[in-house]
Amino acid sequence: CHLIHYLRLSHHLIVLNYLICTFDKLKDVSSEDIKITDAVFDGVEVRVFEPPAKGDESLKRSIVYIHGGGWALASARTSLYNNLCRIMAESLNAVIVSVEYRLVPEVRFPEQYHDALHATKHFLQPDVLAEYSVDPSRIAISGDSAGGNLAAAVCQQLSKEEDLTVRPKLQALIYPVLQAFDFNTPSYQQNMNMPVLPRYVMVNYWIDYFNGNYDLAHELLINNHTALNVGRALSFRPRLNWTSLLPPSFKKSYKPVVQATGTAAIVEQLPALLDARAVPLLADDATLSRQPRTYMLTCENDVLRDDGAMYAKRLERNGVPVTLDHFHDCFHGCMIFTVWPTDFSAGVQTRNSYIKWLDENL
């Protein structure tokens, strides 16, 4: 079983890496209008996209962007993300800081989170913002998939730090992965075999992120790690009770999978399963009430659809203005696929909607 999981995940990663590298060779993402430079923010590599200064303009708005890839794939420097950030910089006339956090297997949780947090806090310093001519009152934090996970976790931490002089105005999360508590939400059940992100691949991304053993995959898939006899998990259950957090159109006729007895040792082996820095949906209401105005993009054909919808509902219940932008015919990862030969209409549609919201709210 362990070997089968390993081979299936390895095949998936090989295919994704091949696609990413192939696209890099197909598309020149340089631009005469956007200045692209690499820098180091508090020990973390970043790529900065700066639109040209305009004569009548003083300060620009800005977005800290954190790329996806299961904490293990992709890069701020690949053409797919280079292309997205360049278009954001051009369309919004904004400075984009794309974070090049370290990846699995070089590092595991919490290092990816620490990289994203350190780079963001460095950028939010008034003197650094002045260097890039950024308006400190018009900054967003954003990311897709695993990058959305890191963006949400960073936003939560920033909201707790009382000595910060500059805080993000917005967070924009694109089909983020936000919980490892329940792998049987309606969207996990509905899309368990859906490309680009089948359920077993997402479970194994979590195991890799936490430096666990693939032998745990089956128990995670059936929610043994959060069974009713796992005391450490009990207090968190109401925070992601999808029966009360999801609309009927998402719940459909699916039933909760709650084991009476499970394996408490899993949480002992992987304590990060219940750590809100890794699993932002588990944060308490007090933390959520301090989050900035939020944009949440979800796709119907995605195991992570309900992660985003549940987080949006919990933020809304805690007084945070939220826009839930749901796409019925789109799939996980689609927003970066806007370059030939994968110039999908789903990618253009989601990207345009995301940029339009940022333009109107930042």
Protein backbone atom coordinates (compact mmCIF):
# COMPACT_ATOMS: atom_id res chain seq x y z
CA CYS A 1 0.00 0.00 0.00
CA HIS A 2 2.84 2.37 0.90
CA LEU A 3 4.60 1.66 -2.40
CA ILE A 4 1.41 2.18 -4.42
CA HIS A 5 0.78 5.55 -2.75
CA TYR A 6 4.38 6.58 -3.34
CA LEU A 7 4.35 5.59 -7.01
CA ARG A 8 1.02 7.31 -7.67
CA LEU A 9 2.13 10.53 -5.99
CA SER A 10 5.53 10.41 -7.70
CA HIS A 11 3.82 10.04 -11.09
CA HIS A 12 1.56 13.00 -10.31
CA LEU A 13 4.50 15.20 -9.29
CA ILE A 14 6.53 14.17 -12.34
CA VAL A 15 3.66 15.11 -14.67
CA LEU A 16 3.10 18.48 -12.97
CA ASN A 17 6.81 19.30 -12.98
CA TYR A 18 7.00 18.36 -16.66
CA LEU A 19 4.09 20.66 -17.49
CA ILE A 20 5.55 23.55 -15.51
CA CYS A 21 9.00 23.18 -17.09
CA THR A 22 7.54 22.76 -20.59
CA PHE A 23 5.51 25.94 -20.31
CA ASP A 24 8.60 27.81 -19.17
CA LYS A 25 10.26 26.95 -22.47
CA LEU A 26 7.23 27.93 -24.53
CA LYS A 27 6.49 31.43 -23.25
CA ASP A 28 8.67 34.50 -22.89
CA VAL A 29 7.25 36.37 -19.90
CA SER A 30 9.55 39.36 -19.99
CA SER A 31 7.91 42.73 -20.44
CA GLU A 32 9.26 46.10 -21.47
CA ASP A 33 6.66 47.80 -19.28
CA ILE A 34 7.24 45.89 -16.04
CA LYS A 35 10.52 45.96 -14.13
CA ILE A 36 11.20 42.48 -12.71
CA THR A 37 13.89 42.09 -10.05
CA ASP A 38 14.89 39.40 -7.58
CA ALA A 39 15.56 40.39 -3.99
CA VAL A 40 15.95 38.90 -0.51
CA PHE A 41 13.52 39.95 2.23
CA ASP A 42 14.69 38.87 5.71
CA GLY A 43 16.50 35.86 4.27
CA VAL A 44 13.67 34.88 1.92
CA GLU A 45 13.96 35.19 -1.85
CA VAL A 46 11.26 37.21 -3.60
CA ARG A 47 10.57 38.42 -7.12
CA VAL A 48 9.27 41.99 -7.39
CA PHE A 49 7.20 43.28 -10.32
CA GLU A 50 7.10 47.08 -10.64
CA PRO A 51 5.05 48.99 -13.21
CA PRO A 52 6.60 52.19 -14.57
CA ALA A 53 6.14 55.37 -12.57
CA LYS A 54 3.64 57.84 -13.91
CA GLY A 55 4.32 61.53 -13.77
CA ASP A 56 1.21 62.50 -11.80
CA GLU A 57 1.38 59.55 -9.41
CA SER A 58 2.85 59.36 -5.93
CA LEU A 59 2.31 55.90 -4.38
CA LYS A 60 1.14 52.57 -5.81
CA ARG A 61 -0.97 49.82 -4.32
CA SER A 62 0.65 46.42 -3.80
CA ILE A 63 0.02 42.67 -3.47
CA VAL A 64 2.16 40.08 -1.71
CA TYR A 65 1.55 36.92 -3.76
CA ILE A 66 2.29 33.35 -2.56
CA HIS A 67 2.28 30.64 -5.23
CA GLY A 68 0.65 27.21 -5.00
CA GLY A 69 1.98 23.72 -5.62
CA GLY A 70 1.26 21.61 -2.54
CA TRP A 71 4.14 23.26 -0.62
CA ALA A 72 6.38 21.14 -2.89
CA LEU A 73 6.10 22.39 -6.47
CA ALA A 74 6.40 25.48 -8.68
CA SER A 75 8.22 28.74 -8.09
CA ALA A 76 7.79 32.48 -8.23
CA ARG A 77 10.17 32.30 -11.19
CA THR A 78 8.26 29.83 -13.37
CA SER A 79 6.56 31.38 -16.38
CA LEU A 80 3.07 30.44 -15.14
CA TYR A 81 3.42 32.58 -12.00
CA ASN A 82 5.67 35.13 -13.68
CA ASN A 83 2.93 35.63 -16.26
CA LEU A 84 0.20 35.97 -13.62
CA CYS A 85 2.15 38.49 -11.53
CA ARG A 86 3.17 40.51 -14.58
CA ILE A 87 -0.46 40.76 -15.71
CA MET A 88 -1.51 41.74 -12.17
CA ALA A 89 1.15 44.45 -12.09
CA GLU A 90 0.07 45.79 -15.48
CA SER A 91 -3.70 45.57 -14.91
CA LEU A 92 -3.67 47.03 -11.42
CA ASN A 93 -0.68 49.37 -11.80
CA ALA A 94 0.53 47.70 -8.62
CA VAL A 95 3.80 46.45 -7.15
CA ILE A 96 3.64 42.65 -6.86
CA VAL A 97 5.93 40.82 -4.44
CA SER A 98 6.00 37.10 -5.31
CA VAL A 99 7.43 35.00 -2.46
CA GLU A 100 9.94 32.26 -3.31
CA TYR A 101 9.46 30.19 -0.16
CA ARG A 102 11.44 26.97 0.30
CA LEU A 103 9.75 23.72 -0.71
CA VAL A 104 9.31 20.09 0.36
CA PRO A 105 11.51 18.06 0.65
CA GLU A 106 14.17 20.69 1.46
CA VAL A 107 12.04 21.93 4.35
CA ARG A 108 8.73 20.94 5.99
CA PHE A 109 6.13 22.72 8.11
CA PRO A 110 6.49 25.25 9.67
CA GLU A 111 9.34 26.54 7.48
CA GLN A 112 7.19 27.42 4.43
CA TYR A 113 4.92 29.38 6.76
CA HIS A 114 7.89 31.11 8.39
CA ASP A 115 9.32 32.07 4.98
CA ALA A 116 6.02 33.61 3.87
CA LEU A 117 5.58 35.42 7.18
CA HIS A 118 9.14 36.79 7.32
CA ALA A 119 9.06 38.04 3.73
CA THR A 120 5.68 39.71 4.24
CA LYS A 121 6.65 41.40 7.51
CA HIS A 122 9.86 42.67 5.94
CA PHE A 123 7.93 44.19 3.05
CA LEU A 124 5.40 45.83 5.41
CA GLN A 125 8.14 47.93 7.06
CA PRO A 126 7.54 51.60 6.24
CA ASP A 127 11.05 52.16 4.88
CA VAL A 128 10.78 49.16 2.53
CA LEU A 129 7.37 50.29 1.29
CA ALA A 130 8.83 53.75 0.66
CA GLU A 131 11.68 52.21 -1.34
CA TYR A 132 9.13 50.64 -3.69
CA SER A 133 6.78 53.68 -3.64
CA VAL A 134 3.94 51.64 -2.13
CA ASP A 135 0.93 53.14 -0.35
CA PRO A 136 0.92 51.47 3.12
CA SER A 137 -2.89 51.66 3.28
CA ARG A 138 -3.41 49.72 0.04
CA ILE A 139 -1.70 46.33 0.42
CA ALA A 140 -3.23 42.89 -0.14
CA ILE A 141 -1.98 39.40 0.69
CA SER A 142 -2.94 36.72 -1.80
CA GLY A 143 -2.17 33.19 -2.92
CA ASP A 144 -3.54 30.13 -4.67
CA SER A 145 -3.95 26.57 -3.34
CA ALA A 146 -1.08 25.92 -0.89
CA GLY A 147 -0.15 29.58 -1.37
CA GLY A 148 -3.68 30.47 -0.27
CA ASN A 149 -3.07 28.38 2.82
CA LEU A 150 0.10 30.34 3.57
CA ALA A 151 -1.57 33.68 2.81
CA ALA A 152 -4.43 32.93 5.23
CA ALA A 153 -2.03 31.76 7.95
CA VAL A 154 0.16 34.85 7.51
CA CYS A 155 -2.88 37.13 7.71
CA GLN A 156 -3.98 35.45 10.92
CA GLN A 157 -0.57 35.92 12.51
CA LEU A 158 -0.27 39.55 11.40
CA SER A 159 -3.64 40.28 13.01
CA LYS A 160 -2.20 39.16 16.37
CA GLU A 161 0.94 41.30 16.28
CA GLU A 162 0.20 44.52 18.13
CA ASP A 163 3.40 46.36 17.19
CA LEU A 164 2.81 46.36 13.42
CA THR A 165 2.43 49.83 11.98
CA VAL A 166 1.24 48.61 8.56
CA ARG A 167 -1.41 45.92 8.07
CA PRO A 168 -2.92 44.39 4.94
CA LYS A 169 -6.12 45.98 3.70
CA LEU A 170 -7.30 42.80 1.97
CA GLN A 171 -6.68 39.09 1.60
CA ALA A 172 -7.52 37.30 -1.65
CA LEU A 173 -7.52 33.49 -1.51
CA ILE A 174 -7.75 31.38 -4.66
CA TYR A 175 -9.04 27.82 -4.15
CA PRO A 176 -7.02 27.62 -0.90
CA VAL A 177 -6.29 24.44 1.06
CA LEU A 178 -7.35 25.28 4.60
CA GLN A 179 -7.96 22.10 6.56
CA ALA A 180 -6.78 18.53 7.08
CA PHE A 181 -9.45 17.66 9.64
CA ASP A 182 -12.09 16.19 7.32
CA PHE A 183 -11.23 14.52 4.02
CA ASN A 184 -14.89 13.67 3.43
CA THR A 185 -16.50 17.06 2.96
CA PRO A 186 -19.00 17.05 0.07
CA SER A 187 -16.40 18.44 -2.33
CA TYR A 188 -13.84 15.81 -1.28
CA GLN A 189 -16.47 13.10 -1.86
CA GLN A 190 -17.75 14.59 -5.13
CA ASN A 191 -14.30 15.25 -6.65
CA MET A 192 -12.20 12.49 -5.11
CA ASN A 193 -10.89 11.36 -8.51
CA MET A 194 -10.92 14.74 -10.24
CA PRO A 195 -7.81 16.00 -12.06
CA VAL A 196 -5.74 18.15 -11.36
CA LEU A 197 -6.01 17.33 -7.65
CA PRO A 198 -7.46 13.92 -6.70
CA ARG A 199 -8.13 13.40 -3.02
CA TYR A 200 -5.28 10.91 -2.43
CA VAL A 201 -2.79 13.44 -3.86
CA MET A 202 -4.01 16.18 -1.51
CA VAL A 203 -3.74 13.80 1.46
CA ASN A 204 -0.18 12.92 0.48
CA TYR A 205 0.73 16.61 0.05
CA TRP A 206 -0.34 17.07 3.69
CA ILE A 207 1.71 14.04 4.79
CA ASP A 208 4.76 15.37 2.96
CA TYR A 209 4.26 18.88 4.41
CA PHE A 210 4.19 17.41 7.93
CA ASN A 211 7.05 14.97 7.23
CA GLY A 212 4.79 12.01 7.98
CA ASN A 213 4.55 8.48 6.65
CA TYR A 214 2.44 7.50 3.63
CA ASP A 215 1.19 4.53 5.66
CA LEU A 216 -1.11 7.03 7.42
CA ALA A 217 -2.89 7.96 4.21
CA HIS A 218 -5.74 5.45 4.50
CA GLU A 219 -6.54 6.43 8.08
CA LEU A 220 -6.59 10.09 7.12
CA LEU A 221 -8.87 9.36 4.15
CA ILE A 222 -11.51 7.85 6.44
CA ASN A 223 -11.10 10.55 9.14
CA ASN A 224 -9.68 8.19 11.77
CA HIS A 225 -7.42 11.03 12.96
CA THR A 226 -10.44 13.11 14.05
CA ALA A 227 -12.71 10.35 15.37
CA LEU A 228 -14.94 11.09 18.35
CA ASN A 229 -12.55 9.33 20.73
CA VAL A 230 -9.61 11.57 19.71
CA GLY A 231 -9.82 14.06 22.57
CA ARG A 232 -7.48 16.66 21.10
CA ALA A 233 -9.68 16.98 18.01
CA LEU A 234 -13.06 17.32 19.74
CA SER A 235 -12.90 21.03 20.52
CA PHE A 236 -12.15 21.86 16.90
CA ARG A 237 -15.10 19.97 15.41
CA PRO A 238 -17.62 22.89 15.51
CA ARG A 239 -15.16 25.12 13.66
CA LEU A 240 -15.56 23.13 10.46
CA ASN A 241 -18.97 21.52 10.76
CA TRP A 242 -19.83 21.60 7.08
CA THR A 243 -23.46 20.69 7.73
CA SER A 244 -23.93 24.22 9.12
CA LEU A 245 -21.29 26.09 7.10
CA LEU A 246 -22.08 25.04 3.52
CA PRO A 247 -25.06 26.04 1.36
CA PRO A 248 -27.48 23.28 0.22
CA SER A 249 -26.10 23.53 -3.33
CA PHE A 250 -22.71 22.39 -1.97
CA LYS A 251 -23.98 19.83 0.55
CA LYS A 252 -26.23 18.08 -1.97
CA SER A 253 -27.07 14.62 -0.55
CA TYR A 254 -23.65 13.88 0.95
CA LYS A 255 -23.43 12.61 4.54
CA PRO A 256 -20.75 13.41 7.14
CA VAL A 257 -18.10 10.75 7.78
CA VAL A 258 -17.50 10.79 11.54
CA GLN A 259 -15.79 7.77 13.07
CA ALA A 260 -16.79 6.80 16.62
CA THR A 261 -13.39 5.31 17.32
CA GLY A 262 -10.19 6.11 15.48
CA THR A 263 -6.47 6.44 15.98
CA ALA A 264 -5.39 9.14 18.41
CA ALA A 265 -1.75 8.28 17.72
CA ILE A 266 -1.98 9.98 14.32
CA VAL A 267 -2.35 13.39 15.94
CA GLU A 268 0.51 12.53 18.28
CA GLN A 269 2.70 11.71 15.27
CA LEU A 270 1.51 14.71 13.23
CA PRO A 271 0.56 17.43 15.75
CA ALA A 272 0.44 20.02 12.96
CA LEU A 273 -2.88 18.46 11.87
CA LEU A 274 -4.42 20.61 14.64
CA ASP A 275 -2.12 23.64 14.31
CA ALA A 276 -3.90 26.70 12.90
CA ARG A 277 -0.64 27.92 11.32
CA ALA A 278 -0.92 24.90 9.03
CA VAL A 279 -4.71 24.56 9.10
CA PRO A 280 -6.16 28.11 9.11
CA LEU A 281 -9.79 26.92 9.21
CA LEU A 282 -9.17 25.74 12.79
CA ALA A 283 -8.48 29.29 14.05
CA ASP A 284 -10.76 30.58 16.80
CA ASP A 285 -13.47 33.18 16.27
CA ALA A 286 -11.47 35.94 17.95
CA THR A 287 -8.69 35.52 15.37
CA LEU A 288 -11.11 35.39 12.46
CA SER A 289 -12.86 38.56 13.59
CA ARG A 290 -9.59 40.47 13.08
CA GLN A 291 -9.10 39.42 9.44
CA PRO A 292 -9.24 41.99 6.63
CA ARG A 293 -11.87 42.18 3.89
CA THR A 294 -11.64 38.88 2.04
CA TYR A 295 -12.02 37.56 -1.50
CA MET A 296 -12.52 33.80 -1.81
CA LEU A 297 -12.43 32.07 -5.19
CA THR A 298 -13.74 28.50 -5.34
CA CYS A 299 -14.29 26.02 -8.18
CA GLU A 300 -16.98 23.34 -8.36
CA ASN A 301 -14.67 20.66 -9.74
CA ASP A 302 -12.21 20.83 -6.86
CA VAL A 303 -11.75 18.81 -3.67
CA LEU A 304 -10.88 22.11 -1.92
CA ARG A 305 -14.12 23.89 -2.83
CA ASP A 306 -15.60 23.41 0.65
CA ASP A 307 -12.42 24.51 2.46
CA GLY A 308 -12.85 27.94 0.90
CA ALA A 309 -16.61 28.08 1.37
CA MET A 310 -16.40 27.11 5.05
CA TYR A 311 -13.72 29.71 5.72
CA ALA A 312 -15.75 32.37 3.93
CA LYS A 313 -18.80 31.56 6.05
CA ARG A 314 -16.85 31.57 9.32
CA LEU A 315 -15.25 34.92 8.45
CA GLU A 316 -18.66 36.33 7.55
CA ARG A 317 -20.13 35.11 10.85
CA ASN A 318 -17.33 36.97 12.62
CA GLY A 319 -18.10 40.27 10.93
CA VAL A 320 -15.55 40.21 8.10
CA PRO A 321 -16.80 41.46 4.70
CA VAL A 322 -16.41 38.50 2.31
CA THR A 323 -16.89 37.99 -1.43
CA LEU A 324 -17.32 34.31 -2.30
CA ASP A 325 -16.66 34.03 -6.04
CA HIS A 326 -17.73 30.52 -7.08
CA PHE A 327 -17.18 29.10 -10.57
CA HIS A 328 -19.48 26.21 -11.46
CA ASP A 329 -17.54 24.94 -14.48
CA CYS A 330 -13.94 25.48 -13.32
CA PHE A 331 -11.30 23.23 -11.77
CA HIS A 332 -8.48 23.40 -9.25
CA GLY A 333 -5.43 25.28 -10.47
CA CYS A 334 -7.14 26.73 -13.53
CA MET A 335 -6.21 30.39 -12.95
CA ILE A 336 -2.56 30.01 -13.93
CA PHE A 337 -3.41 28.14 -17.15
CA THR A 338 -3.78 31.10 -19.48
CA VAL A 339 -0.74 30.53 -21.71
CA TRP A 340 -0.64 28.37 -24.85
CA PRO A 341 -1.00 25.39 -25.06
CA THR A 342 -3.20 25.52 -21.92
CA ASP A 343 -4.88 28.85 -22.51
CA PHE A 344 -8.15 27.63 -20.98
CA SER A 345 -11.20 29.88 -20.84
CA ALA A 346 -11.54 28.84 -17.18
CA GLY A 347 -8.15 30.39 -16.48
CA VAL A 348 -8.93 33.69 -18.16
CA GLN A 349 -12.40 33.83 -16.58
CA THR A 350 -11.18 33.29 -13.02
CA ARG A 351 -8.14 35.54 -13.41
CA ASN A 352 -10.24 38.40 -14.78
CA SER A 353 -12.76 38.11 -11.94
CA TYR A 354 -9.98 38.06 -9.34
CA ILE A 355 -8.20 41.10 -10.83
CA LYS A 356 -11.51 42.97 -11.15
CA TRP A 357 -12.23 42.47 -7.44
CA LEU A 358 -8.75 43.65 -6.49
CA ASP A 359 -9.10 46.69 -8.73
CA GLU A 360 -12.42 47.64 -7.10
CA ASN A 361 -11.39 47.00 -3.49
CA LEU A 362 -7.67 47.70 -3.17
